Amino acid sequence: MRARLTLTLGALAAAIVFAAAAGIAVAADGPPSQNALDLAESPGACGAPPSTLAAGAVTFQVTDDSRDFVDVYVVAATGGDVYAEIQELAPHATLPLSTELGAGDYAVRCVFGNGKTGTSAPIRVTGTTDEAVPGYLAMPDLALQTPVREYSAWIESRLPTLVADCRTLDADVAAGSVAAAKQAWLTAHLDYERLGAAYDAFGDFDGAIDGMANGLPDGVQDSSWTGFFAVEYALWHAEPLSKVRTLTKGLAASAAGLQQDFPSEEVDPGDLPLRTHEILENALQFQLTGIADYGSGTTLATIYANTQGTAELLSILTPLIQQADPQLATSARHGLTTLQDDLSAERLDGTWTPVAELSTVARDRLDADLGQLLETLSGVPALLYPRTDG
């Protein structure tokens, strides 16, 4: 697990307090020390951590009394490896940095909101430890441009299928074929659920296509509710086909509008690493709990589609992940395969088991394997966060 630096500084004048604690002795043979320094930030500097530390667990407490945000890194004194970090730390906050440093020379690197940068004097770490955090390369903003282009192209290639399947759904409802419409609904909904990393780029289309009833004044009876979940509720609660048709026509139109609009939108580079974790985090919160089940009992199918979307995203990001942490990519792929096997076991004769009908053993297995996968994927956003490191 990557340690995260929590350091707050100001671009103009910062009162900075460094404290080395948690069993770290600044003097070689002394007890744990408290080293507090109040400093005004000077040009080119980044605080004043202790000049020497013992190898092993290190905790700093640093306070920012300024009005500015700052990105801060613990780096190798020479070279580009990063050992801990915090992004856009807010002013007037105090946060801890806990990490494990092996013998060597380090420094604290600051990138201020106004564009100024600074680096502290070297920190000499001596001694030995078996728990040293491995360094990793900072991820410049531009490094994610190629994955963004690849992922955007993949999304664009999937949208025609989404549109076609939404139109099939609408046609089945128009023909009065409820059974066919229910199957077409699931097919089209899963098309959309595979596109999880691009939701922010979909703008208002996401709410129109996949909004839940939570928070609406009249809940599932709210007249403004549209999209897949509204259609699901109407179909599985035997609402008049005239109402269902209004919803499916609107859904097909929204999908077509998204297809037309998407080429003019931009996927935020920072979204890709975040979504590797957040897609399945949402699945845990809404799908595995059954909150997002409006009658079809197919939330496990949705989770499976979410794993497929996550797998596509990971495949695009894997070259960058492997540069920084080869084991993480391997563990994530293994975790996805395990979860998909769990889910597939709950699809019998083409029918998905509703969450409420899962056996205790199956539910516990899904909870455990999804939780383990989320723990693994939680390392990706920090590893690939687009950074400006000076």
Protein backbone atom coordinates (compact mmCIF):
# COMPACT_ATOMS: atom_id res chain seq x y z
CA MET A 1 0.00 0.00 0.00
CA ARG A 2 1.35 3.43 -0.91
CA ALA A 3 1.89 5.83 1.93
CA ARG A 4 0.35 9.23 1.36
CA LEU A 5 2.09 12.42 2.35
CA THR A 6 -0.10 14.84 4.20
CA LEU A 7 1.71 18.14 4.21
CA THR A 8 0.17 21.60 4.07
CA LEU A 9 2.10 24.66 2.94
CA GLY A 10 1.45 28.12 1.55
CA ALA A 11 2.78 29.81 -1.55
CA LEU A 12 3.52 33.11 0.18
CA ALA A 13 4.01 32.57 3.88
CA ALA A 14 3.47 29.33 5.72
CA ALA A 15 3.87 28.40 9.33
CA ILE A 16 5.17 24.86 8.99
CA VAL A 17 5.48 22.37 11.78
CA PHE A 18 7.34 19.15 11.16
CA ALA A 19 7.25 16.53 13.89
CA ALA A 20 9.17 13.26 13.62
CA ALA A 21 7.45 10.71 15.83
CA ALA A 22 6.07 7.16 15.92
CA GLY A 23 9.23 5.55 17.19
CA ILE A 24 11.61 7.50 14.97
CA ALA A 25 14.72 8.77 16.70
CA VAL A 26 16.48 11.68 15.05
CA ALA A 27 19.50 11.01 17.19
CA ALA A 28 20.94 7.56 16.57
CA ASP A 29 20.64 6.32 20.13
CA GLY A 30 18.07 8.66 21.60
CA PRO A 31 14.38 8.18 22.38
CA PRO A 32 11.69 9.17 19.86
CA SER A 33 12.06 12.89 19.21
CA GLN A 34 9.65 15.74 18.66
CA ASN A 35 11.22 18.23 16.23
CA ALA A 36 9.06 21.29 15.73
CA LEU A 37 10.14 24.06 13.37
CA ASP A 38 8.17 27.19 12.56
CA LEU A 39 9.39 28.55 9.25
CA ALA A 40 8.40 31.07 6.63
CA GLU A 41 8.57 29.54 3.18
CA SER A 42 11.38 31.05 1.16
CA PRO A 43 11.88 30.94 -2.63
CA GLY A 44 12.88 27.49 -3.83
CA ALA A 45 12.34 25.87 -0.44
CA CYS A 46 9.81 23.35 0.83
CA GLY A 47 9.81 23.42 4.60
CA ALA A 48 12.62 22.20 6.82
CA PRO A 49 12.32 18.54 7.80
CA PRO A 50 15.00 16.99 10.02
CA SER A 51 18.32 16.55 8.27
CA THR A 52 18.74 13.01 9.62
CA LEU A 53 16.33 10.19 10.45
CA ALA A 54 16.58 6.52 11.29
CA ALA A 55 15.33 4.02 8.72
CA GLY A 56 11.86 2.65 9.32
CA ALA A 57 8.49 4.17 10.17
CA VAL A 58 8.36 7.95 9.85
CA THR A 59 5.49 10.27 10.73
CA PHE A 60 5.43 13.99 10.01
CA GLN A 61 2.78 16.49 11.07
CA VAL A 62 2.82 19.64 8.95
CA THR A 63 0.49 22.62 9.23
CA ASP A 64 -0.35 25.18 6.55
CA ASP A 65 -1.43 28.59 7.81
CA SER A 66 -1.63 30.15 4.33
CA ARG A 67 -4.47 30.62 1.84
CA ASP A 68 -3.06 28.41 -0.94
CA PHE A 69 -3.22 24.76 -2.00
CA VAL A 70 -0.08 22.76 -2.65
CA ASP A 71 0.98 19.38 -4.04
CA VAL A 72 3.80 17.86 -2.03
CA TYR A 73 6.00 14.81 -2.55
CA VAL A 74 8.63 12.94 -0.57
CA VAL A 75 11.17 12.19 -3.27
CA ALA A 76 14.61 10.73 -3.69
CA ALA A 77 17.20 13.49 -3.33
CA THR A 78 18.46 12.52 -6.79
CA GLY A 79 16.21 10.93 -9.39
CA GLY A 80 12.46 11.03 -9.81
CA ASP A 81 11.16 8.37 -7.43
CA VAL A 82 8.28 9.37 -5.13
CA TYR A 83 7.76 7.77 -1.71
CA ALA A 84 4.70 9.61 -0.40
CA GLU A 85 2.45 12.44 -1.51
CA ILE A 86 -0.62 14.55 -1.13
CA GLN A 87 -2.52 16.32 -3.90
CA GLU A 88 -4.11 19.75 -3.54
CA LEU A 89 -3.86 19.89 0.21
CA ALA A 90 -6.16 22.55 1.61
CA PRO A 91 -4.97 25.58 3.57
CA HIS A 92 -5.28 25.78 7.36
CA ALA A 93 -5.18 21.99 7.77
CA THR A 94 -2.87 19.68 9.68
CA LEU A 95 -2.47 16.14 8.41
CA PRO A 96 -0.05 13.30 9.10
CA LEU A 97 2.46 11.69 6.80
CA SER A 98 3.26 8.10 7.70
CA THR A 99 5.65 6.11 5.57
CA GLU A 100 8.56 3.68 5.75
CA LEU A 101 11.92 4.89 4.46
CA GLY A 102 15.01 2.80 3.85
CA ALA A 103 18.55 4.10 4.05
CA GLY A 104 19.28 6.85 1.54
CA ASP A 105 18.87 10.54 0.80
CA TYR A 106 15.41 12.06 0.43
CA ALA A 107 13.80 15.49 0.16
CA VAL A 108 10.39 17.14 0.30
CA ARG A 109 9.21 18.62 -3.00
CA CYS A 110 6.45 21.27 -3.23
CA VAL A 111 4.40 22.42 -6.22
CA PHE A 112 2.32 25.44 -5.27
CA GLY A 113 -0.97 26.54 -6.77
CA ASN A 114 0.68 29.64 -8.23
CA GLY A 115 3.17 27.52 -10.18
CA LYS A 116 6.14 27.98 -7.88
CA THR A 117 8.12 24.93 -6.85
CA GLY A 118 10.56 24.18 -4.09
CA THR A 119 12.65 21.39 -2.62
CA SER A 120 13.85 21.00 0.95
CA ALA A 121 17.40 20.32 2.00
CA PRO A 122 18.29 16.60 1.83
CA ILE A 123 17.15 14.21 4.55
CA ARG A 124 19.76 11.54 5.29
CA VAL A 125 18.14 8.25 6.42
CA THR A 126 20.46 5.68 7.98
CA GLY A 127 20.04 2.17 9.32
CA THR A 128 17.98 -0.76 8.06
CA THR A 129 14.32 -1.74 7.80
CA ASP A 130 12.43 -4.61 6.21
CA GLU A 131 9.34 -2.47 5.49
CA ALA A 132 10.68 0.30 3.26
CA VAL A 133 8.13 1.71 0.82
CA PRO A 134 9.27 1.22 -2.79
CA GLY A 135 9.62 4.40 -4.79
CA TYR A 136 7.49 5.01 -7.86
CA LEU A 137 7.66 7.49 -10.70
CA ALA A 138 5.43 10.54 -10.59
CA MET A 139 2.79 10.45 -13.31
CA PRO A 140 2.94 13.61 -15.46
CA ASP A 141 -0.35 14.90 -16.87
CA LEU A 142 0.65 14.10 -20.45
CA ALA A 143 1.31 10.43 -19.69
CA LEU A 144 -2.44 9.81 -19.55
CA GLN A 145 -3.24 11.41 -22.90
CA THR A 146 -2.76 8.20 -24.89
CA PRO A 147 -4.97 6.12 -22.54
CA VAL A 148 -7.62 8.84 -22.70
CA ARG A 149 -7.63 8.73 -26.50
CA GLU A 150 -7.81 4.93 -26.49
CA TYR A 151 -10.61 4.84 -23.95
CA SER A 152 -12.59 7.57 -25.70
CA ALA A 153 -12.31 5.65 -28.96
CA TRP A 154 -13.52 2.51 -27.22
CA ILE A 155 -16.54 4.34 -25.76
CA GLU A 156 -17.36 5.82 -29.15
CA SER A 157 -17.21 2.36 -30.71
CA ARG A 158 -19.70 1.02 -28.14
CA LEU A 159 -22.33 3.74 -28.46
CA PRO A 160 -23.88 2.50 -31.75
CA THR A 161 -24.65 -0.82 -30.04
CA LEU A 162 -26.24 1.01 -27.12
CA VAL A 163 -28.41 3.06 -29.49
CA ALA A 164 -29.46 0.01 -31.52
CA ASP A 165 -30.36 -1.99 -28.42
CA CYS A 166 -32.37 0.90 -26.96
CA ARG A 167 -34.31 1.10 -30.23
CA THR A 168 -34.95 -2.65 -30.08
CA LEU A 169 -36.34 -2.18 -26.58
CA ASP A 170 -38.60 0.61 -27.78
CA ALA A 171 -39.80 -1.49 -30.73
CA ASP A 172 -40.65 -4.42 -28.45
CA VAL A 173 -42.70 -2.16 -26.20
CA ALA A 174 -44.43 -0.62 -29.22
CA ALA A 175 -45.34 -4.14 -30.36
CA GLY A 176 -46.76 -4.96 -26.93
CA SER A 177 -44.27 -7.78 -26.33
CA VAL A 178 -43.49 -7.43 -22.62
CA ALA A 179 -41.35 -10.57 -22.35
CA ALA A 180 -39.17 -9.49 -25.28
CA ALA A 181 -39.00 -5.96 -23.88
CA LYS A 182 -37.71 -7.22 -20.53
CA GLN A 183 -34.89 -9.12 -22.23
CA ALA A 184 -34.12 -6.16 -24.50
CA TRP A 185 -34.06 -3.88 -21.46
CA LEU A 186 -31.39 -6.00 -19.78
CA THR A 187 -29.27 -6.16 -22.93
CA ALA A 188 -29.36 -2.39 -23.43
CA HIS A 189 -28.84 -1.63 -19.75
CA LEU A 190 -25.74 -3.78 -19.60
CA ASP A 191 -24.42 -2.00 -22.70
CA TYR A 192 -24.53 1.22 -20.72
CA GLU A 193 -23.15 -0.23 -17.48
CA ARG A 194 -19.93 -1.22 -19.27
CA LEU A 195 -19.14 2.44 -19.97
CA GLY A 196 -18.51 3.42 -16.36
CA ALA A 197 -15.34 5.49 -16.66
CA ALA A 198 -16.85 8.06 -19.02
CA TYR A 199 -19.94 9.11 -17.06
CA ASP A 200 -18.62 12.59 -16.27
CA ALA A 201 -18.11 13.21 -19.99
CA PHE A 202 -21.74 12.23 -20.65
CA GLY A 203 -23.02 15.35 -18.90
CA ASP A 204 -26.81 15.54 -18.50
CA PHE A 205 -27.24 12.43 -20.65
CA ASP A 206 -26.12 10.22 -17.76
CA GLY A 207 -28.96 11.34 -15.52
CA ALA A 208 -31.49 11.04 -18.34
CA ILE A 209 -30.27 7.54 -19.26
CA ASP A 210 -29.36 5.94 -15.93
CA GLY A 211 -30.70 8.10 -13.10
CA MET A 212 -32.15 6.44 -10.02
CA ALA A 213 -35.29 7.61 -8.24
CA ASN A 214 -33.39 8.43 -5.04
CA GLY A 215 -33.87 12.08 -4.11
CA LEU A 216 -36.74 12.76 -6.50
CA PRO A 217 -39.68 14.52 -4.79
CA ASP A 218 -42.13 11.72 -5.63
CA GLY A 219 -39.66 8.85 -5.79
CA VAL A 220 -40.55 6.16 -8.32
CA GLN A 221 -43.75 8.03 -9.18
CA ASP A 222 -41.96 11.25 -10.05
CA SER A 223 -42.95 12.44 -13.52
CA SER A 224 -39.40 13.65 -14.25
CA TRP A 225 -37.87 10.21 -13.77
CA THR A 226 -36.50 8.80 -17.03
CA GLY A 227 -34.02 6.21 -18.25
CA PHE A 228 -33.25 2.56 -17.67
CA PHE A 229 -34.35 2.36 -14.05
CA ALA A 230 -37.65 4.09 -14.78
CA VAL A 231 -38.28 1.62 -17.61
CA GLU A 232 -37.33 -1.27 -15.34
CA TYR A 233 -39.78 -0.17 -12.67
CA ALA A 234 -42.56 0.30 -15.22
CA LEU A 235 -42.01 -3.05 -16.94
CA TRP A 236 -41.70 -5.17 -13.80
CA HIS A 237 -44.60 -3.41 -12.05
CA ALA A 238 -46.97 -3.92 -14.99
CA GLU A 239 -47.55 -0.23 -15.61
CA PRO A 240 -49.56 0.70 -18.74
CA LEU A 241 -47.60 0.09 -21.94
CA SER A 242 -48.46 3.62 -23.04
CA LYS A 243 -46.42 4.93 -20.11
CA VAL A 244 -43.62 2.44 -20.77
CA ARG A 245 -43.51 3.49 -24.42
CA THR A 246 -43.09 7.14 -23.46
CA LEU A 247 -40.11 6.12 -21.35
CA THR A 248 -38.51 3.87 -23.98
CA LYS A 249 -38.91 6.48 -26.71
CA GLY A 250 -37.20 9.00 -24.46
CA LEU A 251 -34.46 6.53 -23.59
CA ALA A 252 -33.75 5.76 -27.25
CA ALA A 253 -33.63 9.48 -28.02
CA SER A 254 -31.23 10.15 -25.15
CA ALA A 255 -28.93 7.32 -26.26
CA ALA A 256 -28.90 8.72 -29.79
CA GLY A 257 -28.21 12.20 -28.43
CA LEU A 258 -25.30 10.85 -26.40
CA GLN A 259 -23.84 9.17 -29.46
CA GLN A 260 -24.02 12.41 -31.40
CA ASP A 261 -22.65 14.55 -28.59
CA PHE A 262 -19.85 12.36 -27.24
CA PRO A 263 -17.20 13.12 -29.92
CA SER A 264 -17.28 16.77 -28.82
CA GLU A 265 -16.77 15.90 -25.14
CA GLU A 266 -13.50 15.27 -23.31
CA VAL A 267 -12.72 12.54 -20.81
CA ASP A 268 -10.82 13.99 -17.87
CA PRO A 269 -7.44 12.19 -17.58
CA GLY A 270 -7.90 12.05 -13.81
CA ASP A 271 -11.16 10.14 -14.22
CA LEU A 272 -9.56 7.01 -15.66
CA PRO A 273 -7.51 5.98 -12.59
CA LEU A 274 -10.37 6.96 -10.26
CA ARG A 275 -12.96 4.92 -12.14
CA THR A 276 -10.93 1.70 -11.93
CA HIS A 277 -11.97 1.76 -8.27
CA GLU A 278 -15.20 3.77 -8.28
CA ILE A 279 -17.14 1.67 -10.81
CA LEU A 280 -17.07 -1.35 -8.52
CA GLU A 281 -17.34 0.76 -5.39
CA ASN A 282 -20.71 1.91 -6.71
CA ALA A 283 -21.56 -1.70 -7.53
CA LEU A 284 -20.92 -2.62 -3.90
CA GLN A 285 -23.03 0.28 -2.63
CA PHE A 286 -26.00 0.08 -4.99
CA GLN A 287 -26.01 -3.27 -6.79
CA LEU A 288 -24.89 -5.83 -4.23
CA THR A 289 -27.19 -4.26 -1.64
CA GLY A 290 -30.15 -4.40 -4.03
CA ILE A 291 -30.77 -0.65 -3.72
CA ALA A 292 -30.63 -0.32 -7.52
CA ASP A 293 -33.06 -3.21 -8.12
CA TYR A 294 -36.33 -1.75 -9.40
CA GLY A 295 -37.94 -5.11 -10.03
CA SER A 296 -35.87 -7.12 -12.50
CA GLY A 297 -33.62 -8.84 -9.95
CA THR A 298 -30.63 -8.41 -12.26
CA THR A 299 -28.20 -6.38 -10.17
CA LEU A 300 -25.66 -9.22 -10.32
CA ALA A 301 -25.73 -8.92 -14.11
CA THR A 302 -25.03 -5.21 -13.68
CA ILE A 303 -22.03 -5.96 -11.46
CA TYR A 304 -20.73 -8.37 -14.10
CA ALA A 305 -21.04 -5.62 -16.74
CA ASN A 306 -19.22 -3.29 -14.34
CA THR A 307 -16.37 -5.80 -14.09
CA GLN A 308 -16.17 -5.90 -17.88
CA GLY A 309 -15.94 -2.11 -18.03
CA THR A 310 -13.29 -2.14 -15.31
CA ALA A 311 -11.33 -4.82 -17.17
CA GLU A 312 -11.34 -2.73 -20.36
CA LEU A 313 -10.10 0.29 -18.45
CA LEU A 314 -7.39 -1.71 -16.70
CA SER A 315 -6.18 -3.14 -20.01
CA ILE A 316 -5.68 0.40 -21.30
CA LEU A 317 -3.94 1.57 -18.12
CA THR A 318 -1.85 -1.56 -17.55
CA PRO A 319 1.30 -0.26 -19.31
CA LEU A 320 1.39 2.72 -16.93
CA ILE A 321 0.49 0.64 -13.86
CA GLN A 322 3.23 -1.88 -14.60
CA GLN A 323 5.84 0.86 -14.81
CA ALA A 324 5.02 1.90 -11.26
CA ASP A 325 3.82 -1.32 -9.61
CA PRO A 326 3.87 -4.51 -11.71
CA GLN A 327 2.27 -6.63 -9.00
CA LEU A 328 -0.77 -4.35 -8.77
CA ALA A 329 -1.85 -5.02 -12.36
CA THR A 330 -1.49 -8.77 -11.86
CA SER A 331 -3.43 -8.74 -8.61
CA ALA A 332 -6.21 -6.64 -10.13
CA ARG A 333 -6.64 -8.99 -13.10
CA HIS A 334 -6.75 -11.99 -10.76
CA GLY A 335 -9.30 -10.28 -8.53
CA LEU A 336 -11.53 -9.45 -11.49
CA THR A 337 -11.44 -13.04 -12.74
CA THR A 338 -12.32 -14.35 -9.28
CA LEU A 339 -15.27 -11.97 -8.94
CA GLN A 340 -16.54 -12.77 -12.42
CA ASP A 341 -16.43 -16.48 -11.59
CA ASP A 342 -18.46 -15.80 -8.43
CA LEU A 343 -21.05 -13.89 -10.42
CA SER A 344 -21.25 -16.44 -13.24
CA ALA A 345 -22.04 -19.14 -10.67
CA GLU A 346 -25.24 -17.21 -9.89
CA ARG A 347 -26.51 -17.30 -13.48
CA LEU A 348 -28.48 -20.49 -14.03
CA ASP A 349 -30.04 -21.27 -17.41
CA GLY A 350 -29.56 -17.65 -18.44
CA THR A 351 -31.34 -16.26 -15.38
CA TRP A 352 -29.49 -14.22 -12.75
CA THR A 353 -30.15 -14.89 -9.07
CA PRO A 354 -31.68 -11.82 -7.39
CA VAL A 355 -29.49 -10.47 -4.59
CA ALA A 356 -32.24 -11.11 -2.04
CA GLU A 357 -32.22 -14.82 -2.96
CA LEU A 358 -28.47 -15.41 -2.66
CA SER A 359 -27.42 -18.12 -0.25
CA THR A 360 -25.44 -17.02 2.77
CA VAL A 361 -22.35 -18.76 1.38
CA ALA A 362 -22.67 -17.07 -2.02
CA ARG A 363 -23.33 -13.67 -0.48
CA ASP A 364 -20.34 -13.94 1.85
CA ARG A 365 -18.11 -15.03 -1.06
CA LEU A 366 -19.22 -12.09 -3.22
CA ASP A 367 -18.76 -9.64 -0.36
CA ALA A 368 -15.28 -10.94 0.39
CA ASP A 369 -14.03 -11.13 -3.19
CA LEU A 370 -15.47 -7.74 -4.18
CA GLY A 371 -14.02 -6.19 -1.03
CA GLN A 372 -10.59 -7.67 -1.75
CA LEU A 373 -10.70 -6.44 -5.34
CA LEU A 374 -11.67 -2.95 -4.21
CA GLU A 375 -8.74 -2.93 -1.79
CA THR A 376 -6.41 -3.84 -4.66
CA LEU A 377 -7.91 -1.27 -7.05
CA SER A 378 -7.75 1.48 -4.43
CA GLY A 379 -4.03 1.73 -5.17
CA VAL A 380 -4.56 2.73 -8.79
CA PRO A 381 -5.85 6.32 -8.33
CA ALA A 382 -2.91 7.32 -6.12
CA LEU A 383 -0.45 5.57 -8.42
CA LEU A 384 -1.72 7.17 -11.63
CA TYR A 385 -3.04 10.49 -10.38
CA PRO A 386 -1.99 13.06 -13.00
CA ARG A 387 0.63 15.17 -11.32
CA THR A 388 2.54 18.36 -11.86
CA ASP A 389 5.80 17.62 -10.13
CA GLY A 390 7.75 20.66 -11.06
